[in-house]
């Protein structure tokens, strides 16, 4: 579904990614784990067209998207939930969802998308008219995910969905991620909570200083002694 081949990215004189090769098959959850600054978010931003690569090719459903504009990549079927949620603070919950539906062609589609979001996140339905800034961190994360799903993505990029959330909410968010995947959306997940990420992923990549150090089935990486020592607190 998605193939990233030999992608390199620089931030000025700093090499952020070096010859990255990774991919996602349709229906999978693929996790990217690694320390802060390893390049995980940069991979998502490069796929989304937010950060340009200096070399390499990104292909989505047999079409090259390497240098495509971000809004066109959304129309292709890829949508990203950014780190830190970044909801439209002054807008209501419903208005945030409507903003996510900018690619939809009819008011009926937008209305159906909002109802799907409210079904998936009942707490948002209760706060439909509230300003997004008044929501808790967990509710804002739900809103950011609901907003991204409005465009009916085939591939959802999630950047640190558990950041800053209480443990109980982290479990809930990951349950919802699994539900989204089971409903037919493929997912690429960047997550500091490596244990949770590996517990729901099919495959995973471990990044170190802009390069892929390890790759394989999530269950195999979860039992790898080096991974357990570096990322799982053992």
Foldseek 3Di string as FASTA:
>chain_A
DKWWFQWWADDVPATQAGGATDTFDFLFEEEEEEDPSLNPVVVVCQLLQNGATPDTWMDDPNHTCRNPHNVVSLLVFEFEQDPPLPFPQQAFLLVSLLVLQPNDDDPVLSVVLVVVLCVLPVVSVVRRRPGLNPDDLLVSLSSSVSSPCSSVHQEYEYEASCPPHDPVSSVVVLVSVLVVSVVGHYYYYYHLQLVSSLVRGQKYFYGGSNYTPDIDGSVVLCPDPVSCVRRVVD
